[in-house]
Amino acid sequence: QVPTCEAPVLLAPEMAIGLVGHLVAAISGSALYRNTSFLKDHAGKQIFPAWMTISERPHIPRAPSSTVFDAEGVATRDRDIIANGVLTGYVLGSYSARRLGLETTGNAGGVHNLVVEPGELSAPELMRQMGTGLLVTELMGQGVSIVTGDYSRGAAGFWVENGEIVYPVDEVTIAGKLQDMFMAIEAVGTDVDDRTPTRCGSMLVGKMTIAGS
């Protein structure tokens, strides 16, 4: 364990994908029309740093979630869900769109190939940029509220000092608010696995609460 502190957190790609998943859950139609999302009425507002782009690319050849039509037969299309840090729209099927007085985005059944635009740094280079902090390679528990944005999950990984791994870490909790975590993202790495429906490299979050010993 490490002492309770506030420090940067570097999420390995598999963990960063989960963070993107929380975004999708918060901008999905069912959460919005039920008023159970902390991102309700946030379309057109900046919720990520200005350099960040997250795209939906449903027509990538041979990608896991590629499709010409969604589950309702609506044609899918390329779009930037996050453009220059701004939420451009929601994730809607026909029913949720009608409930919200909007038009379907061709997302009945979910999103299709999300691409988080990577930066220029590899995972080791991101560790050097982080300096001292926690590299998270495993997350446990379900302590995430899409209603409020509260985030608290058990974590394991490695403690990093001066950009180098110094010892393994277990039985700690990382916590924050999703809205703060999104804005605190400092970089996305080049270590992207293109075999997954969400293509995202390691993600450096500038500050989180780490609850340890």
N, C-alpha and C. Protein backbone atom coordinates (compact mmCIF):
# COMPACT_ATOMS: atom_id res chain seq x y z
N GLN A 1 0.83 -1.20 0.00
CA GLN A 1 0.00 0.00 0.00
C GLN A 1 0.87 1.25 0.00
N VAL A 2 0.23 2.35 -0.35
CA VAL A 2 0.90 3.65 -0.29
C VAL A 2 0.11 4.55 0.66
N PRO A 3 0.73 5.57 1.23
CA PRO A 3 -0.02 6.48 2.10
C PRO A 3 -1.10 7.22 1.32
N THR A 4 -2.18 7.56 2.01
CA THR A 4 -3.24 8.33 1.37
C THR A 4 -2.69 9.68 0.90
N CYS A 5 -2.97 10.01 -0.37
CA CYS A 5 -2.40 11.23 -0.94
C CYS A 5 -3.19 11.63 -2.19
N GLU A 6 -2.86 12.78 -2.73
CA GLU A 6 -3.33 13.18 -4.05
C GLU A 6 -2.13 13.14 -4.98
N ALA A 7 -2.30 12.45 -6.12
CA ALA A 7 -1.18 12.26 -7.03
C ALA A 7 -1.71 11.99 -8.43
N PRO A 8 -0.85 12.14 -9.45
CA PRO A 8 -1.25 11.76 -10.80
C PRO A 8 -1.50 10.26 -10.89
N VAL A 9 -2.39 9.89 -11.79
CA VAL A 9 -2.71 8.48 -12.02
C VAL A 9 -2.61 8.21 -13.52
N LEU A 10 -1.82 7.19 -13.86
CA LEU A 10 -1.70 6.77 -15.25
C LEU A 10 -2.49 5.48 -15.43
N LEU A 11 -3.55 5.54 -16.22
CA LEU A 11 -4.40 4.38 -16.45
C LEU A 11 -3.87 3.60 -17.65
N ALA A 12 -3.58 2.31 -17.46
CA ALA A 12 -3.21 1.45 -18.57
C ALA A 12 -4.36 1.42 -19.57
N PRO A 13 -4.09 1.08 -20.85
CA PRO A 13 -5.15 1.16 -21.87
C PRO A 13 -6.45 0.47 -21.50
N GLU A 14 -6.36 -0.73 -20.91
CA GLU A 14 -7.58 -1.45 -20.55
C GLU A 14 -8.40 -0.70 -19.51
N MET A 15 -7.72 0.04 -18.63
CA MET A 15 -8.42 0.82 -17.61
C MET A 15 -8.95 2.13 -18.20
N ALA A 16 -8.21 2.71 -19.11
CA ALA A 16 -8.65 3.95 -19.77
C ALA A 16 -9.92 3.71 -20.58
N ILE A 17 -10.02 2.53 -21.20
CA ILE A 17 -11.22 2.18 -21.96
C ILE A 17 -12.45 2.23 -21.05
N GLY A 18 -12.29 1.79 -19.81
CA GLY A 18 -13.40 1.84 -18.86
C GLY A 18 -13.84 3.26 -18.58
N LEU A 19 -12.88 4.19 -18.51
CA LEU A 19 -13.23 5.59 -18.28
C LEU A 19 -14.04 6.15 -19.45
N VAL A 20 -13.66 5.77 -20.67
CA VAL A 20 -14.43 6.17 -21.84
C VAL A 20 -15.83 5.56 -21.78
N GLY A 21 -15.92 4.34 -21.28
CA GLY A 21 -17.22 3.69 -21.13
C GLY A 21 -18.15 4.45 -20.20
N HIS A 22 -17.60 5.07 -19.14
CA HIS A 22 -18.43 5.86 -18.24
C HIS A 22 -18.96 7.10 -18.96
N LEU A 23 -18.14 7.68 -19.83
CA LEU A 23 -18.62 8.80 -20.65
C LEU A 23 -19.81 8.37 -21.50
N VAL A 24 -19.68 7.24 -22.18
CA VAL A 24 -20.75 6.76 -23.05
C VAL A 24 -22.02 6.52 -22.26
N ALA A 25 -21.88 5.92 -21.08
CA ALA A 25 -23.06 5.67 -20.24
C ALA A 25 -23.75 6.97 -19.86
N ALA A 26 -22.96 8.02 -19.62
CA ALA A 26 -23.53 9.28 -19.16
C ALA A 26 -24.19 10.07 -20.29
N ILE A 27 -23.83 9.79 -21.55
CA ILE A 27 -24.44 10.52 -22.67
C ILE A 27 -25.40 9.64 -23.46
N SER A 28 -25.73 8.48 -22.92
CA SER A 28 -26.69 7.60 -23.58
C SER A 28 -28.11 8.08 -23.32
N GLY A 29 -28.98 7.85 -24.29
CA GLY A 29 -30.34 8.37 -24.22
C GLY A 29 -31.11 7.94 -23.00
N SER A 30 -30.98 6.67 -22.61
CA SER A 30 -31.77 6.18 -21.47
C SER A 30 -31.43 6.91 -20.19
N ALA A 31 -30.16 7.21 -19.97
CA ALA A 31 -29.77 7.96 -18.78
C ALA A 31 -30.24 9.41 -18.86
N LEU A 32 -30.26 9.96 -20.06
CA LEU A 32 -30.63 11.37 -20.22
C LEU A 32 -32.12 11.60 -20.00
N TYR A 33 -32.97 10.78 -20.64
CA TYR A 33 -34.40 11.05 -20.49
C TYR A 33 -34.92 10.65 -19.12
N ARG A 34 -34.16 9.83 -18.41
CA ARG A 34 -34.54 9.49 -17.02
C ARG A 34 -33.95 10.48 -16.02
N ASN A 35 -33.22 11.47 -16.50
CA ASN A 35 -32.56 12.46 -15.62
C ASN A 35 -31.62 11.79 -14.63
N THR A 36 -30.89 10.79 -15.10
CA THR A 36 -29.96 10.07 -14.22
C THR A 36 -28.52 10.20 -14.71
N SER A 37 -28.20 11.30 -15.36
CA SER A 37 -26.85 11.51 -15.86
C SER A 37 -26.31 12.87 -15.42
N PHE A 38 -25.06 12.89 -14.98
CA PHE A 38 -24.44 14.15 -14.60
C PHE A 38 -24.09 15.01 -15.82
N LEU A 39 -24.24 14.44 -17.03
CA LEU A 39 -23.96 15.20 -18.25
C LEU A 39 -25.23 15.61 -19.00
N LYS A 40 -26.38 15.54 -18.34
CA LYS A 40 -27.61 16.02 -18.97
C LYS A 40 -27.46 17.52 -19.27
N ASP A 41 -27.90 17.92 -20.46
CA ASP A 41 -27.85 19.32 -20.90
C ASP A 41 -26.42 19.83 -21.08
N HIS A 42 -25.48 18.92 -21.32
CA HIS A 42 -24.09 19.34 -21.52
C HIS A 42 -23.68 19.37 -22.99
N ALA A 43 -24.58 19.06 -23.91
CA ALA A 43 -24.22 19.13 -25.33
C ALA A 43 -23.79 20.55 -25.68
N GLY A 44 -22.66 20.66 -26.39
CA GLY A 44 -22.13 21.96 -26.75
C GLY A 44 -21.21 22.56 -25.70
N LYS A 45 -21.01 21.86 -24.58
CA LYS A 45 -20.15 22.36 -23.51
C LYS A 45 -18.82 21.60 -23.49
N GLN A 46 -17.80 22.26 -22.99
CA GLN A 46 -16.48 21.63 -22.89
C GLN A 46 -16.44 20.77 -21.64
N ILE A 47 -16.14 19.48 -21.83
CA ILE A 47 -16.03 18.57 -20.69
C ILE A 47 -14.69 17.85 -20.66
N PHE A 48 -13.87 18.04 -21.69
CA PHE A 48 -12.51 17.51 -21.75
C PHE A 48 -11.55 18.64 -22.11
N PRO A 49 -10.24 18.43 -21.95
CA PRO A 49 -9.29 19.44 -22.41
C PRO A 49 -9.45 19.73 -23.89
N ALA A 50 -9.08 20.94 -24.30
CA ALA A 50 -9.35 21.41 -25.66
C ALA A 50 -8.62 20.61 -26.74
N TRP A 51 -7.58 19.88 -26.37
CA TRP A 51 -6.82 19.11 -27.36
C TRP A 51 -7.43 17.73 -27.63
N MET A 52 -8.47 17.35 -26.89
CA MET A 52 -8.92 15.96 -26.91
C MET A 52 -10.08 15.75 -27.89
N THR A 53 -9.99 14.65 -28.64
CA THR A 53 -11.04 14.26 -29.59
C THR A 53 -11.37 12.78 -29.41
N ILE A 54 -12.65 12.48 -29.33
CA ILE A 54 -13.13 11.09 -29.27
C ILE A 54 -14.13 10.93 -30.41
N SER A 55 -13.86 9.99 -31.30
CA SER A 55 -14.67 9.82 -32.51
C SER A 55 -15.37 8.47 -32.52
N GLU A 56 -16.49 8.43 -33.22
CA GLU A 56 -17.16 7.17 -33.52
C GLU A 56 -16.93 6.88 -35.00
N ARG A 57 -16.35 5.70 -35.28
CA ARG A 57 -15.99 5.33 -36.65
C ARG A 57 -16.57 3.96 -36.97
N PRO A 58 -17.85 3.89 -37.35
CA PRO A 58 -18.52 2.60 -37.52
C PRO A 58 -18.14 1.84 -38.78
N HIS A 59 -17.35 2.43 -39.66
CA HIS A 59 -17.06 1.78 -40.94
C HIS A 59 -15.61 1.36 -41.10
N ILE A 60 -14.87 1.21 -40.00
CA ILE A 60 -13.49 0.74 -40.07
C ILE A 60 -13.50 -0.72 -40.53
N PRO A 61 -12.81 -1.06 -41.62
CA PRO A 61 -12.83 -2.45 -42.11
C PRO A 61 -12.33 -3.44 -41.05
N ARG A 62 -13.10 -4.48 -40.84
CA ARG A 62 -12.77 -5.60 -39.96
C ARG A 62 -12.68 -5.24 -38.48
N ALA A 63 -13.08 -4.05 -38.10
CA ALA A 63 -13.07 -3.69 -36.68
C ALA A 63 -14.22 -4.37 -35.95
N PRO A 64 -14.07 -4.60 -34.63
CA PRO A 64 -15.06 -5.41 -33.88
C PRO A 64 -16.48 -4.89 -33.91
N SER A 65 -16.66 -3.56 -33.93
CA SER A 65 -18.01 -3.01 -33.85
C SER A 65 -18.44 -2.30 -35.12
N SER A 66 -17.79 -2.61 -36.23
CA SER A 66 -18.16 -1.97 -37.48
C SER A 66 -19.53 -2.44 -37.95
N THR A 67 -20.34 -1.51 -38.46
CA THR A 67 -21.66 -1.86 -38.97
C THR A 67 -22.17 -0.71 -39.84
N VAL A 68 -22.94 -1.08 -40.84
CA VAL A 68 -23.53 -0.06 -41.72
C VAL A 68 -24.82 0.48 -41.13
N PHE A 69 -25.54 -0.35 -40.36
CA PHE A 69 -26.80 0.04 -39.75
C PHE A 69 -26.77 -0.30 -38.27
N ASP A 70 -27.53 0.47 -37.48
CA ASP A 70 -27.65 0.13 -36.06
C ASP A 70 -28.73 -0.93 -35.87
N ALA A 71 -29.10 -1.23 -34.64
CA ALA A 71 -30.05 -2.31 -34.35
C ALA A 71 -31.45 -2.03 -34.86
N GLU A 72 -31.74 -0.78 -35.22
CA GLU A 72 -33.05 -0.42 -35.74
C GLU A 72 -33.04 -0.21 -37.25
N GLY A 73 -31.89 -0.45 -37.87
CA GLY A 73 -31.79 -0.27 -39.31
C GLY A 73 -31.47 1.14 -39.75
N VAL A 74 -31.10 2.00 -38.81
CA VAL A 74 -30.71 3.37 -39.14
C VAL A 74 -29.26 3.37 -39.59
N ALA A 75 -28.96 4.07 -40.66
CA ALA A 75 -27.59 4.12 -41.18
C ALA A 75 -26.65 4.77 -40.18
N THR A 76 -25.50 4.16 -39.99
CA THR A 76 -24.49 4.73 -39.10
C THR A 76 -23.61 5.70 -39.87
N ARG A 77 -22.91 6.56 -39.14
CA ARG A 77 -22.05 7.55 -39.78
C ARG A 77 -20.88 7.90 -38.87
N ASP A 78 -19.82 8.35 -39.48
CA ASP A 78 -18.68 8.85 -38.72
C ASP A 78 -19.06 10.17 -38.04
N ARG A 79 -18.59 10.35 -36.82
CA ARG A 79 -18.80 11.62 -36.14
C ARG A 79 -17.82 11.75 -34.98
N ASP A 80 -17.55 12.99 -34.60
CA ASP A 80 -16.77 13.27 -33.41
C ASP A 80 -17.73 13.49 -32.25
N ILE A 81 -17.68 12.60 -31.27
CA ILE A 81 -18.52 12.78 -30.08
C ILE A 81 -17.93 13.88 -29.20
N ILE A 82 -16.61 13.87 -29.07
CA ILE A 82 -15.89 14.95 -28.39
C ILE A 82 -14.99 15.60 -29.43
N ALA A 83 -15.17 16.89 -29.67
CA ALA A 83 -14.35 17.63 -30.63
C ALA A 83 -13.73 18.83 -29.93
N ASN A 84 -12.40 18.86 -29.88
CA ASN A 84 -11.69 19.94 -29.17
C ASN A 84 -12.20 20.08 -27.73
N GLY A 85 -12.48 18.92 -27.12
CA GLY A 85 -12.92 18.90 -25.73
C GLY A 85 -14.40 19.14 -25.52
N VAL A 86 -15.13 19.45 -26.59
CA VAL A 86 -16.56 19.81 -26.47
C VAL A 86 -17.43 18.60 -26.79
N LEU A 87 -18.45 18.37 -25.97
CA LEU A 87 -19.42 17.31 -26.23
C LEU A 87 -20.35 17.77 -27.35
N THR A 88 -20.26 17.12 -28.51
CA THR A 88 -21.02 17.57 -29.68
C THR A 88 -22.44 17.02 -29.72
N GLY A 89 -22.70 15.92 -29.02
CA GLY A 89 -24.03 15.33 -29.05
C GLY A 89 -24.09 14.10 -28.18
N TYR A 90 -25.23 13.42 -28.25
CA TYR A 90 -25.48 12.28 -27.37
C TYR A 90 -25.45 10.97 -28.16
N VAL A 91 -25.73 9.87 -27.46
CA VAL A 91 -25.77 8.54 -28.06
C VAL A 91 -27.22 8.07 -27.97
N LEU A 92 -27.93 8.12 -29.11
CA LEU A 92 -29.38 7.95 -29.09
C LEU A 92 -29.86 6.92 -30.10
N GLY A 93 -30.85 6.14 -29.68
CA GLY A 93 -31.67 5.37 -30.59
C GLY A 93 -32.96 6.14 -30.84
N SER A 94 -33.88 5.55 -31.60
CA SER A 94 -35.11 6.27 -31.97
C SER A 94 -35.98 6.60 -30.77
N TYR A 95 -36.15 5.64 -29.86
CA TYR A 95 -37.04 5.88 -28.72
C TYR A 95 -36.50 6.98 -27.82
N SER A 96 -35.23 6.86 -27.43
CA SER A 96 -34.66 7.87 -26.53
C SER A 96 -34.62 9.24 -27.21
N ALA A 97 -34.38 9.25 -28.52
CA ALA A 97 -34.38 10.53 -29.25
C ALA A 97 -35.76 11.19 -29.18
N ARG A 98 -36.82 10.41 -29.38
CA ARG A 98 -38.18 10.97 -29.29
C ARG A 98 -38.46 11.50 -27.89
N ARG A 99 -38.03 10.77 -26.88
CA ARG A 99 -38.26 11.21 -25.50
C ARG A 99 -37.57 12.55 -25.22
N LEU A 100 -36.45 12.78 -25.89
CA LEU A 100 -35.68 14.00 -25.66
C LEU A 100 -35.98 15.10 -26.67
N GLY A 101 -36.86 14.81 -27.64
CA GLY A 101 -37.17 15.79 -28.66
C GLY A 101 -36.02 15.99 -29.64
N LEU A 102 -35.23 14.94 -29.84
CA LEU A 102 -34.07 15.01 -30.73
C LEU A 102 -34.20 13.95 -31.82
N GLU A 103 -33.17 13.82 -32.64
CA GLU A 103 -33.15 12.81 -33.69
C GLU A 103 -32.17 11.70 -33.33
N THR A 104 -32.47 10.48 -33.78
CA THR A 104 -31.57 9.36 -33.52
C THR A 104 -30.18 9.63 -34.10
N THR A 105 -29.18 9.12 -33.40
CA THR A 105 -27.80 9.24 -33.89
C THR A 105 -27.31 7.92 -34.49
N GLY A 106 -28.25 6.98 -34.67
CA GLY A 106 -27.85 5.68 -35.22
C GLY A 106 -27.12 4.82 -34.22
N ASN A 107 -27.50 4.95 -32.94
CA ASN A 107 -26.81 4.20 -31.89
C ASN A 107 -27.71 3.25 -31.13
N ALA A 108 -28.82 2.83 -31.74
CA ALA A 108 -29.60 1.77 -31.11
C ALA A 108 -28.73 0.53 -31.02
N GLY A 109 -28.55 0.01 -29.82
CA GLY A 109 -27.66 -1.13 -29.63
C GLY A 109 -26.27 -0.74 -29.19
N GLY A 110 -25.98 0.56 -29.12
CA GLY A 110 -24.68 0.98 -28.61
C GLY A 110 -23.87 1.77 -29.62
N VAL A 111 -22.64 2.08 -29.22
CA VAL A 111 -21.72 2.84 -30.08
C VAL A 111 -20.91 1.87 -30.93
N HIS A 112 -20.33 2.40 -31.99
CA HIS A 112 -19.65 1.57 -32.97
C HIS A 112 -18.24 2.10 -33.22
N ASN A 113 -17.26 1.44 -32.61
CA ASN A 113 -15.84 1.77 -32.77
C ASN A 113 -15.53 3.20 -32.33
N LEU A 114 -15.24 3.33 -31.04
CA LEU A 114 -14.80 4.62 -30.53
C LEU A 114 -13.29 4.73 -30.66
N VAL A 115 -12.83 5.89 -31.08
CA VAL A 115 -11.40 6.13 -31.26
C VAL A 115 -11.02 7.37 -30.45
N VAL A 116 -10.20 7.17 -29.41
CA VAL A 116 -9.66 8.29 -28.64
C VAL A 116 -8.36 8.70 -29.31
N GLU A 117 -8.32 9.90 -29.83
CA GLU A 117 -7.16 10.37 -30.59
C GLU A 117 -5.92 10.32 -29.70
N PRO A 118 -4.89 9.53 -30.08
CA PRO A 118 -3.70 9.43 -29.24
C PRO A 118 -2.80 10.64 -29.39
N GLY A 119 -1.95 10.83 -28.39
CA GLY A 119 -0.93 11.86 -28.47
C GLY A 119 0.33 11.30 -29.12
N GLU A 120 1.46 11.82 -28.71
CA GLU A 120 2.73 11.44 -29.32
C GLU A 120 3.63 10.63 -28.40
N LEU A 121 3.19 10.40 -27.15
CA LEU A 121 4.06 9.76 -26.16
C LEU A 121 3.69 8.29 -25.96
N SER A 122 4.72 7.45 -25.81
CA SER A 122 4.52 6.04 -25.47
C SER A 122 4.22 5.92 -23.98
N ALA A 123 3.87 4.72 -23.54
CA ALA A 123 3.58 4.51 -22.11
C ALA A 123 4.79 4.83 -21.23
N PRO A 124 6.02 4.37 -21.56
CA PRO A 124 7.17 4.77 -20.74
C PRO A 124 7.39 6.28 -20.71
N GLU A 125 7.13 6.94 -21.83
CA GLU A 125 7.29 8.40 -21.86
C GLU A 125 6.22 9.09 -21.01
N LEU A 126 5.02 8.52 -20.96
CA LEU A 126 3.98 9.07 -20.09
C LEU A 126 4.37 8.91 -18.62
N MET A 127 5.00 7.79 -18.27
CA MET A 127 5.47 7.62 -16.90
C MET A 127 6.51 8.67 -16.54
N ARG A 128 7.39 8.97 -17.48
CA ARG A 128 8.39 10.01 -17.23
C ARG A 128 7.73 11.38 -17.09
N GLN A 129 6.70 11.63 -17.90
CA GLN A 129 5.98 12.89 -17.76
C GLN A 129 5.27 12.96 -16.42
N MET A 130 4.70 11.84 -15.96
CA MET A 130 4.01 11.80 -14.67
C MET A 130 4.98 12.06 -13.53
N GLY A 131 6.20 11.53 -13.64
CA GLY A 131 7.19 11.72 -12.59
C GLY A 131 6.93 10.80 -11.42
N THR A 132 6.09 11.23 -10.49
CA THR A 132 5.72 10.42 -9.33
C THR A 132 4.20 10.26 -9.30
N GLY A 133 3.76 9.02 -9.18
CA GLY A 133 2.33 8.76 -9.16
C GLY A 133 2.04 7.28 -9.25
N LEU A 134 0.79 6.94 -9.57
CA LEU A 134 0.33 5.55 -9.58
C LEU A 134 0.00 5.11 -10.99
N LEU A 135 0.62 4.03 -11.43
CA LEU A 135 0.27 3.35 -12.68
C LEU A 135 -0.76 2.29 -12.35
N VAL A 136 -1.97 2.44 -12.85
CA VAL A 136 -3.08 1.52 -12.53
C VAL A 136 -3.22 0.49 -13.63
N THR A 137 -3.08 -0.78 -13.26
CA THR A 137 -3.23 -1.88 -14.22
C THR A 137 -4.43 -2.77 -13.92
N GLU A 138 -5.11 -2.50 -12.80
CA GLU A 138 -6.28 -3.30 -12.43
C GLU A 138 -7.23 -2.44 -11.61
N LEU A 139 -8.53 -2.56 -11.90
CA LEU A 139 -9.56 -1.87 -11.13
C LEU A 139 -10.59 -2.87 -10.64
N MET A 140 -11.11 -2.63 -9.44
CA MET A 140 -12.07 -3.54 -8.83
C MET A 140 -13.24 -2.75 -8.27
N GLY A 141 -14.40 -3.40 -8.17
CA GLY A 141 -15.56 -2.77 -7.58
C GLY A 141 -16.36 -1.98 -8.59
N GLN A 142 -17.53 -1.52 -8.15
CA GLN A 142 -18.46 -0.82 -9.03
C GLN A 142 -18.83 0.55 -8.47
N GLY A 143 -17.89 1.22 -7.85
CA GLY A 143 -18.18 2.48 -7.18
C GLY A 143 -18.21 3.68 -8.11
N VAL A 144 -19.02 3.62 -9.14
CA VAL A 144 -19.14 4.73 -10.08
C VAL A 144 -20.61 5.10 -10.20
N SER A 145 -20.93 6.39 -9.99
CA SER A 145 -22.30 6.87 -10.12
C SER A 145 -22.41 7.76 -11.34
N ILE A 146 -23.20 7.34 -12.32
CA ILE A 146 -23.44 8.17 -13.50
C ILE A 146 -24.37 9.32 -13.15
N VAL A 147 -25.12 9.19 -12.07
CA VAL A 147 -26.05 10.26 -11.66
C VAL A 147 -25.28 11.47 -11.17
N THR A 148 -24.26 11.25 -10.33
CA THR A 148 -23.54 12.37 -9.71
C THR A 148 -22.13 12.55 -10.27
N GLY A 149 -21.59 11.51 -10.92
CA GLY A 149 -20.21 11.56 -11.37
C GLY A 149 -19.21 11.08 -10.33
N ASP A 150 -19.68 10.65 -9.16
CA ASP A 150 -18.77 10.16 -8.13
C ASP A 150 -18.06 8.90 -8.62
N TYR A 151 -16.75 8.84 -8.37
CA TYR A 151 -15.92 7.72 -8.83
C TYR A 151 -15.05 7.26 -7.68
N SER A 152 -15.14 5.97 -7.32
CA SER A 152 -14.31 5.39 -6.28
C SER A 152 -14.19 3.89 -6.53
N ARG A 153 -12.97 3.46 -6.88
CA ARG A 153 -12.78 2.05 -7.20
C ARG A 153 -11.48 1.53 -6.60
N GLY A 154 -11.50 0.27 -6.21
CA GLY A 154 -10.28 -0.37 -5.78
C GLY A 154 -9.30 -0.49 -6.93
N ALA A 155 -8.02 -0.35 -6.63
CA ALA A 155 -7.03 -0.34 -7.70
C ALA A 155 -5.77 -1.09 -7.29
N ALA A 156 -5.06 -1.56 -8.30
CA ALA A 156 -3.74 -2.18 -8.11
C ALA A 156 -2.87 -1.77 -9.29
N GLY A 157 -1.58 -1.82 -9.07
CA GLY A 157 -0.66 -1.44 -10.14
C GLY A 157 0.74 -1.25 -9.63
N PHE A 158 1.35 -0.13 -9.95
CA PHE A 158 2.75 0.11 -9.58
C PHE A 158 2.93 1.59 -9.20
N TRP A 159 3.74 1.81 -8.15
CA TRP A 159 4.11 3.16 -7.78
C TRP A 159 5.31 3.59 -8.61
N VAL A 160 5.22 4.80 -9.14
CA VAL A 160 6.26 5.32 -10.03
C VAL A 160 6.92 6.52 -9.38
N GLU A 161 8.23 6.56 -9.39
CA GLU A 161 8.98 7.72 -8.91
C GLU A 161 10.05 8.07 -9.93
N ASN A 162 10.17 9.37 -10.21
CA ASN A 162 11.13 9.84 -11.21
C ASN A 162 10.96 9.13 -12.55
N GLY A 163 9.70 8.79 -12.86
CA GLY A 163 9.40 8.16 -14.14
C GLY A 163 9.71 6.69 -14.23
N GLU A 164 10.07 6.06 -13.10
CA GLU A 164 10.43 4.64 -13.10
C GLU A 164 9.59 3.88 -12.08
N ILE A 165 9.18 2.64 -12.43
CA ILE A 165 8.45 1.79 -11.49
C ILE A 165 9.37 1.42 -10.33
N VAL A 166 8.89 1.61 -9.09
CA VAL A 166 9.72 1.29 -7.92
C VAL A 166 9.17 0.11 -7.11
N TYR A 167 7.86 -0.07 -7.06
CA TYR A 167 7.32 -1.24 -6.37
C TYR A 167 5.85 -1.43 -6.74
N PRO A 168 5.34 -2.66 -6.59
CA PRO A 168 3.91 -2.91 -6.88
C PRO A 168 3.02 -2.36 -5.77
N VAL A 169 1.79 -2.04 -6.14
CA VAL A 169 0.82 -1.47 -5.21
C VAL A 169 -0.47 -2.29 -5.29
N ASP A 170 -1.06 -2.57 -4.12
CA ASP A 170 -2.33 -3.29 -4.07
C ASP A 170 -3.14 -2.73 -2.92
N GLU A 171 -4.43 -3.03 -2.92
CA GLU A 171 -5.34 -2.66 -1.83
C GLU A 171 -5.37 -1.15 -1.60
N VAL A 172 -5.50 -0.40 -2.69
CA VAL A 172 -5.72 1.04 -2.57
C VAL A 172 -7.01 1.39 -3.31
N THR A 173 -7.49 2.60 -3.10
CA THR A 173 -8.68 3.09 -3.78
C THR A 173 -8.33 4.40 -4.47
N ILE A 174 -8.76 4.54 -5.72
CA ILE A 174 -8.62 5.83 -6.40
C ILE A 174 -10.01 6.45 -6.50
N ALA A 175 -10.07 7.76 -6.24
CA ALA A 175 -11.37 8.41 -6.15
C ALA A 175 -11.32 9.81 -6.74
N GLY A 176 -12.49 10.28 -7.17
CA GLY A 176 -12.63 11.62 -7.71
C GLY A 176 -14.02 11.81 -8.27
N LYS A 177 -14.21 12.88 -9.01
CA LYS A 177 -15.45 13.14 -9.75
C LYS A 177 -15.14 12.96 -11.23
N LEU A 178 -16.01 12.24 -11.94
CA LEU A 178 -15.76 12.01 -13.36
C LEU A 178 -15.59 13.32 -14.11
N GLN A 179 -16.40 14.32 -13.78
CA GLN A 179 -16.28 15.59 -14.49
C GLN A 179 -14.92 16.23 -14.26
N ASP A 180 -14.35 16.07 -13.06
CA ASP A 180 -13.01 16.59 -12.78
C ASP A 180 -11.94 15.73 -13.44
N MET A 181 -12.15 14.42 -13.43
CA MET A 181 -11.19 13.51 -14.05
C MET A 181 -11.08 13.75 -15.55
N PHE A 182 -12.22 13.95 -16.20
CA PHE A 182 -12.19 14.22 -17.64
C PHE A 182 -11.35 15.47 -17.94
N MET A 183 -11.57 16.53 -17.19
CA MET A 183 -10.86 17.78 -17.45
C MET A 183 -9.39 17.70 -17.03
N ALA A 184 -9.06 16.76 -16.16
CA ALA A 184 -7.69 16.63 -15.66
C ALA A 184 -6.82 15.73 -16.53
N ILE A 185 -7.37 15.17 -17.60
CA ILE A 185 -6.57 14.31 -18.48
C ILE A 185 -5.49 15.15 -19.15
N GLU A 186 -4.24 14.73 -18.99
CA GLU A 186 -3.11 15.50 -19.51
C GLU A 186 -2.55 14.93 -20.80
N ALA A 187 -2.73 13.63 -21.04
CA ALA A 187 -2.17 13.02 -22.24
C ALA A 187 -2.80 11.66 -22.47
N VAL A 188 -2.81 11.23 -23.74
CA VAL A 188 -3.23 9.88 -24.13
C VAL A 188 -2.08 9.27 -24.92
N GLY A 189 -1.69 8.04 -24.55
CA GLY A 189 -0.51 7.42 -25.13
C GLY A 189 -0.75 6.79 -26.49
N THR A 190 0.34 6.37 -27.09
CA THR A 190 0.30 5.74 -28.41
C THR A 190 0.08 4.23 -28.35
N ASP A 191 0.02 3.65 -27.14
CA ASP A 191 -0.09 2.20 -26.98
C ASP A 191 -1.54 1.75 -27.14
N VAL A 192 -2.07 1.92 -28.34
CA VAL A 192 -3.47 1.62 -28.64
C VAL A 192 -3.60 0.20 -29.16
N ASP A 193 -4.58 -0.54 -28.64
CA ASP A 193 -4.89 -1.88 -29.13
C ASP A 193 -6.05 -1.76 -30.11
N ASP A 194 -5.77 -1.94 -31.41
CA ASP A 194 -6.82 -1.75 -32.42
C ASP A 194 -7.73 -2.97 -32.58
N ARG A 195 -7.59 -3.95 -31.68
CA ARG A 195 -8.47 -5.12 -31.73
C ARG A 195 -9.71 -4.95 -30.87
N THR A 196 -9.82 -3.83 -30.15
CA THR A 196 -10.93 -3.61 -29.24
C THR A 196 -11.94 -2.63 -29.82
N PRO A 197 -13.20 -2.68 -29.40
CA PRO A 197 -14.21 -1.74 -29.91
C PRO A 197 -13.92 -0.29 -29.54
N THR A 198 -13.18 -0.07 -28.43
CA THR A 198 -12.75 1.27 -28.06
C THR A 198 -11.24 1.33 -28.18
N ARG A 199 -10.75 2.16 -29.07
CA ARG A 199 -9.31 2.27 -29.30
C ARG A 199 -8.77 3.44 -28.49
N CYS A 200 -8.03 3.10 -27.44
CA CYS A 200 -7.54 4.13 -26.52
C CYS A 200 -6.22 3.68 -25.93
N GLY A 201 -5.25 4.58 -25.88
CA GLY A 201 -3.98 4.30 -25.25
C GLY A 201 -4.02 4.60 -23.76
N SER A 202 -2.87 4.50 -23.11
CA SER A 202 -2.77 4.86 -21.70
C SER A 202 -3.21 6.30 -21.52
N MET A 203 -3.82 6.59 -20.36
CA MET A 203 -4.39 7.91 -20.13
C MET A 203 -3.86 8.47 -18.81
N LEU A 204 -3.24 9.65 -18.89
CA LEU A 204 -2.66 10.28 -17.70
C LEU A 204 -3.65 11.30 -17.13
N VAL A 205 -4.12 11.04 -15.90
CA VAL A 205 -5.00 11.95 -15.20
C VAL A 205 -4.16 12.73 -14.19
N GLY A 206 -4.20 14.04 -14.28
CA GLY A 206 -3.26 14.88 -13.53
C GLY A 206 -3.33 14.75 -12.03
N LYS A 207 -4.52 14.53 -11.46
CA LYS A 207 -4.62 14.41 -10.01
C LYS A 207 -5.86 13.63 -9.62
N MET A 208 -5.66 12.66 -8.72
CA MET A 208 -6.76 11.92 -8.11
C MET A 208 -6.41 11.66 -6.65
N THR A 209 -7.44 11.37 -5.86
CA THR A 209 -7.20 10.95 -4.48
C THR A 209 -6.89 9.46 -4.46
N ILE A 210 -5.78 9.12 -3.83
CA ILE A 210 -5.38 7.71 -3.67
C ILE A 210 -5.48 7.39 -2.19
N ALA A 211 -6.41 6.51 -1.83
CA ALA A 211 -6.61 6.14 -0.44
C ALA A 211 -5.87 4.84 -0.14
N GLY A 212 -4.88 4.91 0.72
CA GLY A 212 -4.09 3.72 1.03
C GLY A 212 -4.01 3.50 2.51
N SER A 213 -2.81 3.28 3.01
CA SER A 213 -2.61 2.97 4.42
C SER A 213 -2.71 4.22 5.29
